[in-house]
Each structure stands twice: as structure tokens, then as C-alpha cells.
C-alpha atoms as a PDB file:
ATOM      1  CA  MET A   1     154.623 103.542  83.434  1.00  0.00           C
ATOM      2  CA  SER A   2     158.230 102.805  83.933  1.00  0.00           C
ATOM      3  CA  LEU A   3     160.888 104.207  81.462  1.00  0.00           C
ATOM      4  CA  MET A   4     161.423 100.576  80.281  1.00  0.00           C
ATOM      5  CA  ASP A   5     157.879 100.013  79.480  1.00  0.00           C
ATOM      6  CA  ASP A   6     157.800 103.346  77.623  1.00  0.00           C
ATOM      7  CA  ILE A   7     160.926 102.317  75.677  1.00  0.00           C
ATOM      8  CA  GLU A   8     159.401  98.923  74.810  1.00  0.00           C
ATOM      9  CA  LYS A   9     156.179 100.563  73.796  1.00  0.00           C
ATOM     10  CA  ARG A  10     157.973 103.180  71.496  1.00  0.00           C
ATOM     11  CA  LEU A  11     160.159 100.304  69.918  1.00  0.00           C
ATOM     12  CA  GLN A  12     156.876  98.203  69.249  1.00  0.00           C
ATOM     13  CA  TRP A  13     155.590 101.223  67.565  1.00  0.00           C
ATOM     14  CA  MET A  14     158.590 101.572  65.321  1.00  0.00           C
ATOM     15  CA  GLU A  15     158.470  97.918  64.542  1.00  0.00           C
ATOM     16  CA  ASP A  16     154.699  98.252  63.703  1.00  0.00           C
ATOM     17  CA  ARG A  17     155.362 101.210  61.425  1.00  0.00           C
ATOM     18  CA  TRP A  18     157.790  99.275  59.524  1.00  0.00           C
ATOM     19  CA  LYS A  19     155.287  96.452  59.166  1.00  0.00           C
ATOM     20  CA  ILE A  20     152.783  98.853  58.013  1.00  0.00           C
ATOM     21  CA  ASN A  21     155.265 100.200  55.357  1.00  0.00           C
ATOM     22  CA  ASP A  22     155.916  96.590  54.277  1.00  0.00           C
ATOM     23  CA  LEU A  23     152.214  96.189  53.944  1.00  0.00           C
ATOM     24  CA  LEU A  24     152.226  99.097  51.372  1.00  0.00           C
ATOM     25  CA  VAL A  25     155.036  97.436  49.584  1.00  0.00           C
ATOM     26  CA  HIS A  26     153.167  94.187  49.416  1.00  0.00           C
ATOM     27  CA  TYR A  27     150.079  95.971  48.161  1.00  0.00           C
ATOM     28  CA  SER A  28     152.057  97.624  45.071  1.00  0.00           C
ATOM     29  CA  THR A  29     153.646  94.273  44.267  1.00  0.00           C
ATOM     30  CA  THR A  30     150.706  92.134  44.441  1.00  0.00           C
ATOM     31  CA  CYS A  31     148.715  94.748  42.395  1.00  0.00           C
ATOM     32  CA  ASP A  32     151.538  94.741  39.702  1.00  0.00           C
ATOM     33  CA  ASP A  33     151.727  90.994  39.705  1.00  0.00           C
ATOM     34  CA  HIS A  34     147.918  90.658  39.464  1.00  0.00           C
ATOM     35  CA  ASP A  35     147.968  88.322  42.553  1.00  0.00           C
ATOM     36  CA  ILE A  36     144.306  88.613  43.459  1.00  0.00           C
ATOM     37  CA  GLU A  37     144.348  86.281  46.399  1.00  0.00           C
ATOM     38  CA  GLY A  38     147.392  88.087  47.806  1.00  0.00           C
ATOM     39  CA  LEU A  39     145.685  91.372  47.380  1.00  0.00           C
ATOM     40  CA  ALA A  40     142.546  90.083  49.197  1.00  0.00           C
ATOM     41  CA  ASN A  41     144.721  88.794  51.924  1.00  0.00           C
ATOM     42  CA  LEU A  42     146.224  92.141  52.814  1.00  0.00           C
ATOM     43  CA  TYR A  43     142.670  93.235  54.088  1.00  0.00           C
ATOM     44  CA  ALA A  44     140.987  92.339  57.217  1.00  0.00           C
ATOM     45  CA  GLU A  45     138.390  89.687  56.736  1.00  0.00           C
ATOM     46  CA  ASP A  46     135.737  92.419  56.884  1.00  0.00           C
ATOM     47  CA  GLY A  47     137.937  95.122  55.184  1.00  0.00           C
ATOM     48  CA  ILE A  48     136.755  97.745  52.682  1.00  0.00           C
ATOM     49  CA  PHE A  49     138.381  98.981  49.661  1.00  0.00           C
ATOM     50  CA  ASP A  50     136.777 102.247  48.106  1.00  0.00           C
ATOM     51  CA  ALA A  51     138.317 103.202  44.659  1.00  0.00           C
ATOM     52  CA  VAL A  52     137.560 104.251  41.203  1.00  0.00           C
ATOM     53  CA  ALA A  53     135.047 101.483  40.338  1.00  0.00           C
ATOM     54  CA  GLY A  54     133.228 101.692  43.694  1.00  0.00           C
ATOM     55  CA  LYS A  55     133.263 100.145  47.294  1.00  0.00           C
ATOM     56  CA  ALA A  56     133.978  96.435  48.144  1.00  0.00           C
ATOM     57  CA  LYS A  57     133.374  95.046  51.637  1.00  0.00           C
ATOM     58  CA  GLY A  58     134.772  91.632  52.649  1.00  0.00           C
ATOM     59  CA  ARG A  59     137.717  89.781  51.232  1.00  0.00           C
ATOM     60  CA  LYS A  60     135.466  87.981  48.761  1.00  0.00           C
ATOM     61  CA  ALA A  61     134.142  91.251  47.428  1.00  0.00           C
ATOM     62  CA  ILE A  62     137.573  92.941  47.427  1.00  0.00           C
ATOM     63  CA  ALA A  63     138.935  89.934  45.482  1.00  0.00           C
ATOM     64  CA  ALA A  64     136.081  90.218  42.881  1.00  0.00           C
ATOM     65  CA  TYR A  65     136.782  93.814  42.620  1.00  0.00           C
ATOM     66  CA  TYR A  66     140.407  93.316  41.882  1.00  0.00           C
ATOM     67  CA  GLU A  67     139.808  90.449  39.537  1.00  0.00           C
ATOM     68  CA  ASN A  68     137.497  92.777  37.420  1.00  0.00           C
ATOM     69  CA  ARG A  69     139.569  95.989  37.724  1.00  0.00           C
ATOM     70  CA  LEU A  70     142.911  94.369  37.005  1.00  0.00           C
ATOM     71  CA  ALA A  71     141.655  92.732  33.943  1.00  0.00           C
ATOM     72  CA  ASP A  72     141.766  96.146  32.235  1.00  0.00           C
ATOM     73  CA  PHE A  73     145.376  96.691  33.354  1.00  0.00           C
ATOM     74  CA  GLY A  74     148.413  95.570  31.229  1.00  0.00           C
ATOM     75  CA  VAL A  75     151.917  96.024  33.030  1.00  0.00           C
ATOM     76  CA  SER A  76     151.696  98.258  35.979  1.00  0.00           C
ATOM     77  CA  TYR A  77     153.987  99.845  38.595  1.00  0.00           C
ATOM     78  CA  HIS A  78     152.316 101.124  41.731  1.00  0.00           C
ATOM     79  CA  ILE A  79     154.669 103.421  43.668  1.00  0.00           C
ATOM     80  CA  PRO A  80     153.956 104.492  47.255  1.00  0.00           C
ATOM     81  CA  TYR A  81     156.170 107.745  47.623  1.00  0.00           C
ATOM     82  CA  SER A  82     155.546 108.560  51.284  1.00  0.00           C
ATOM     83  CA  GLN A  83     153.327 107.816  54.268  1.00  0.00           C
ATOM     84  CA  ALA A  84     152.340 109.309  57.576  1.00  0.00           C
ATOM     85  CA  VAL A  85     150.899 107.048  60.178  1.00  0.00           C
ATOM     86  CA  GLU A  86     149.259 107.779  63.453  1.00  0.00           C
ATOM     87  CA  ARG A  87     148.699 105.146  66.168  1.00  0.00           C
ATOM     88  CA  ILE A  88     145.332 104.748  67.491  1.00  0.00           C
ATOM     89  CA  SER A  89     146.056 101.885  69.676  1.00  0.00           C
ATOM     90  CA  ASP A  90     148.287  98.718  69.996  1.00  0.00           C
ATOM     91  CA  ARG A  91     146.276  97.181  67.261  1.00  0.00           C
ATOM     92  CA  GLU A  92     145.020 100.107  65.139  1.00  0.00           C
ATOM     93  CA  ALA A  93     146.413 102.900  63.152  1.00  0.00           C
ATOM     94  CA  ARG A  94     145.357 105.284  60.402  1.00  0.00           C
ATOM     95  CA  GLY A  95     147.549 106.660  57.752  1.00  0.00           C
ATOM     96  CA  THR A  96     147.715 108.631  54.508  1.00  0.00           C
ATOM     97  CA  VAL A  97     149.974 107.348  51.527  1.00  0.00           C
ATOM     98  CA  LEU A  98     150.857 109.519  48.511  1.00  0.00           C
ATOM     99  CA  GLY A  99     151.552 107.550  45.464  1.00  0.00           C
ATOM    100  CA  ALA A 100     151.296 107.016  41.733  1.00  0.00           C
ATOM    101  CA  VAL A 101     150.585 104.153  39.399  1.00  0.00           C
ATOM    102  CA  GLU A 102     152.112 103.905  35.746  1.00  0.00           C
ATOM    103  CA  LEU A 103     150.317 101.335  33.642  1.00  0.00           C
ATOM    104  CA  ALA A 104     149.548  99.997  30.250  1.00  0.00           C
ATOM    105  CA  LEU A 105     145.733 100.587  29.574  1.00  0.00           C
ATOM    106  CA  ASN A 106     144.239  99.816  26.239  1.00  0.00           C
ATOM    107  CA  GLY A 107     147.720  99.685  24.723  1.00  0.00           C
ATOM    108  CA  GLU A 108     148.887 103.046  25.890  1.00  0.00           C
ATOM    109  CA  ALA A 109     150.830 104.550  28.788  1.00  0.00           C
ATOM    110  CA  PHE A 110     148.346 105.750  31.496  1.00  0.00           C
ATOM    111  CA  TRP A 111     149.496 107.651  34.618  1.00  0.00           C
ATOM    112  CA  ALA A 112     147.640 108.382  38.038  1.00  0.00           C
ATOM    113  CA  ALA A 113     148.540 110.433  41.084  1.00  0.00           C
ATOM    114  CA  LEU A 114     146.815 108.955  44.095  1.00  0.00           C
ATOM    115  CA  ARG A 115     146.244 109.533  47.943  1.00  0.00           C
ATOM    116  CA  TYR A 116     145.094 106.677  49.959  1.00  0.00           C
ATOM    117  CA  SER A 117     143.314 107.297  53.240  1.00  0.00           C
ATOM    118  CA  ASP A 118     144.071 103.993  55.271  1.00  0.00           C
ATOM    119  CA  HIS A 119     142.818 102.305  58.466  1.00  0.00           C
ATOM    120  CA  TYR A 120     145.000  99.584  59.526  1.00  0.00           C
ATOM    121  CA  VAL A 121     144.284  96.757  62.086  1.00  0.00           C
ATOM    122  CA  LYS A 122     146.590  94.173  63.482  1.00  0.00           C
ATOM    123  CA  ASP A 123     144.992  90.617  63.198  1.00  0.00           C
ATOM    124  CA  ASP A 124     145.098  87.725  65.640  1.00  0.00           C
ATOM    125  CA  ASP A 125     148.527  86.725  64.017  1.00  0.00           C
ATOM    126  CA  ASP A 126     149.913  90.208  64.686  1.00  0.00           C
ATOM    127  CA  GLU A 127     149.998  90.891  60.984  1.00  0.00           C
ATOM    128  CA  TRP A 128     148.968  94.446  60.044  1.00  0.00           C
ATOM    129  CA  LYS A 129     146.136  94.423  57.419  1.00  0.00           C
ATOM    130  CA  PHE A 130     144.073  97.196  55.808  1.00  0.00           C
ATOM    131  CA  TYR A 131     140.701  97.518  57.322  1.00  0.00           C
ATOM    132  CA  GLU A 132     139.737 100.384  54.960  1.00  0.00           C
ATOM    133  CA  ARG A 133     141.428 101.784  52.024  1.00  0.00           C
ATOM    134  CA  LYS A 134     140.146 104.869  50.144  1.00  0.00           C
ATOM    135  CA  VAL A 135     141.741 105.966  46.923  1.00  0.00           C
ATOM    136  CA  GLN A 136     141.318 109.515  45.942  1.00  0.00           C
ATOM    137  CA  GLN A 137     142.983 110.924  42.492  1.00  0.00           C
ATOM    138  CA  LEU A 138     144.929 113.958  41.881  1.00  0.00           C
ATOM    139  CA  TYR A 139     144.912 112.861  38.300  1.00  0.00           C
ATOM    140  CA  ALA A 140     144.434 109.886  36.064  1.00  0.00           C
ATOM    141  CA  MET A 141     145.051 110.051  32.283  1.00  0.00           C
ATOM    142  CA  PRO A 142     146.808 108.754  29.261  1.00  0.00           C
ATOM    143  CA  LEU A 143     150.479 110.053  29.613  1.00  0.00           C
ATOM    144  CA  ALA A 144     150.033 111.734  26.299  1.00  0.00           C
ATOM    145  CA  ASP A 145     147.402 114.023  27.738  1.00  0.00           C
ATOM    146  CA  LEU A 146     149.254 114.739  30.914  1.00  0.00           C
ATOM    147  CA  PRO A 147     151.256 117.726  29.781  1.00  0.00           C
ATOM    148  CA  LYS A 148     148.162 119.687  28.463  1.00  0.00           C
ATOM    149  CA  GLU A 149     145.491 118.273  30.833  1.00  0.00           C
ATOM    150  CA  ILE A 150     147.186 118.399  34.215  1.00  0.00           C
ATOM    151  CA  ALA A 151     146.378 122.113  34.399  1.00  0.00           C
ATOM    152  CA  GLY A 152     142.697 121.326  33.827  1.00  0.00           C
ATOM    153  CA  SER A 153     139.949 120.656  36.089  1.00  0.00           C
ATOM    154  CA  LEU A 154     138.613 117.403  34.356  1.00  0.00           C
ATOM    155  CA  ARG A 155     141.669 115.211  35.358  1.00  0.00           C
ATOM    156  CA  GLN A 156     140.176 111.995  35.846  1.00  0.00           C
ATOM    157  CA  ARG A 157     139.977 110.709  32.333  1.00  0.00           C
ATOM    158  CA  TRP A 158     139.716 106.711  32.532  1.00  0.00           C
ATOM    159  CA  PRO A 159     138.981 104.949  29.376  1.00  0.00           C
ATOM    160  CA  GLY A 160     135.184 104.370  28.637  1.00  0.00           C
ATOM    161  CA  THR A 161     134.256 107.369  30.912  1.00  0.00           C
ATOM    162  CA  GLU A 162     133.582 111.003  30.462  1.00  0.00           C
ATOM    163  CA  PRO A 163     136.419 113.212  31.758  1.00  0.00           C
ATOM    164  CA  LYS A 164     135.405 114.419  35.457  1.00  0.00           C
ATOM    165  CA  ALA A 165     136.682 116.466  38.152  1.00  0.00           C
ATOM    166  CA  ALA A 166     139.651 115.214  40.215  1.00  0.00           C
ATOM    167  CA  ASP A 167     139.066 114.172  43.771  1.00  0.00           C
ATOM    168  CA  LEU A 168     142.100 116.287  44.842  1.00  0.00           C
ATOM    169  CA  PRO A 169     143.104 119.021  45.738  1.00  0.00           C
ATOM    170  CA  GLU A 170     140.049 121.065  44.815  1.00  0.00           C
ATOM    171  CA  THR A 171     137.658 119.119  47.230  1.00  0.00           C
ATOM    172  CA  THR A 172     139.710 119.861  50.282  1.00  0.00           C
ATOM    173  CA  THR A 173     138.678 122.826  52.569  1.00  0.00           C
ATOM    174  CA  SER A 174     142.175 124.409  52.596  1.00  0.00           C
ATOM    175  CA  TRP A 175     142.300 124.498  48.751  1.00  0.00           C
ATOM    176  CA  GLN A 176     138.833 126.069  48.690  1.00  0.00           C
ATOM    177  CA  GLU A 177     139.851 128.709  51.283  1.00  0.00           C
ATOM    178  CA  HIS A 178     142.973 129.527  49.302  1.00  0.00           C
ATOM    179  CA  GLN A 179     141.095 130.005  46.176  1.00  0.00           C
ATOM    180  CA  ASP A 180     138.528 132.212  47.888  1.00  0.00           C
ATOM    181  CA  ARG A 181     141.383 134.470  49.315  1.00  0.00           C
ATOM    182  CA  LEU A 182     142.731 134.616  45.700  1.00  0.00           C
ATOM    183  CA  GLU A 183     139.432 135.839  44.391  1.00  0.00           C
ATOM    184  CA  VAL A 184     139.465 138.701  46.892  1.00  0.00           C
ATOM    185  CA  ARG A 185     142.734 139.988  45.663  1.00  0.00           C
END
């Protein structure tokens, strides 16, 4: 590979990273705007969304998922804080996105801290899409509960459900190993 080919490849990857970042912003704004069709179109035709209320596969199922889920949400503000992306090929990448959502739910302020595990693909029009987006939660609860409950283990407190253990960080191997070392002390 010549130096020029390498520079062009690196430049293309930089452009792709920015387009993937734009995808994240579009995801946030379409969620907040309750733009169901817009949300579904951010996914590949056979895309997968795996979140709080289960897994949806294919744009039609993803649109139905969002139609149902966003019916519970009032005003919301999805915030992607930071992202790491790894190129798999010229048309595929994987990423981790740290984010949060502030929303009105059942007439009260509700907060959630999230980690998205993403698989991105470039479609035939050279647009980046989600192939798979999996959501894990550090916490999800009414804002009024956050000061007291963030230190607890039952940090998923969605309305109409029993409080349950958070997805993160307790399920990670590194967290578990650290806790084991602390118990030995």
C-alpha cells in the first residue's frame, strides 16, 4: 500500500467516525422528537434494538418498539457523552457509547445512565446505520430517588416494575474481580 493510499484510507475512517457520531446525535434527537419513522430509519433493514422492554429485529419491529415505548415518555433529553469506535472493515464498525437520558415519566423527572454497545454498518448509499444497538443501565429511577438509591444494588426502578439489579457495573468481570479482591483484604 502506498503512502497516499494509506492517507486516503485514514482520512476515510476519520470521515466515517464523524458520520457515526452524527448517527448518535440523530438517534438522540429523533428519540426526543418522538420521530418513530426517523428512529427506525437509523437502523439497517434487518437491524436489532435490544433494550429495557426486550429485543426488536427489523425496521418494522423497531418502529413498533419505539411507538410503544415512547408512548410512556413525556419530554426527554438523550445525551451521548462519549464514544469509542473500532473499525472492523470499510463498511462495518463496533462502538461503545456512554450516555444518559433525562425524561418526564408519569409526571415526574426520571433519570437513567446508559451504556450502548453498538454494531454499525454502512448501507448501499454509504450511510452509517445501527445494525445492532444493545442498551445496558447503570441506573434508571425517578430523580427524587437518585440521591438515596444510587448507592443501592436495585438501581433499575422503571414505573410499573419491581426494582431490580442494574446491568452495570456489577455484571462485568473486572467489577466482580475487584470486589473479590476487596473481600480478601
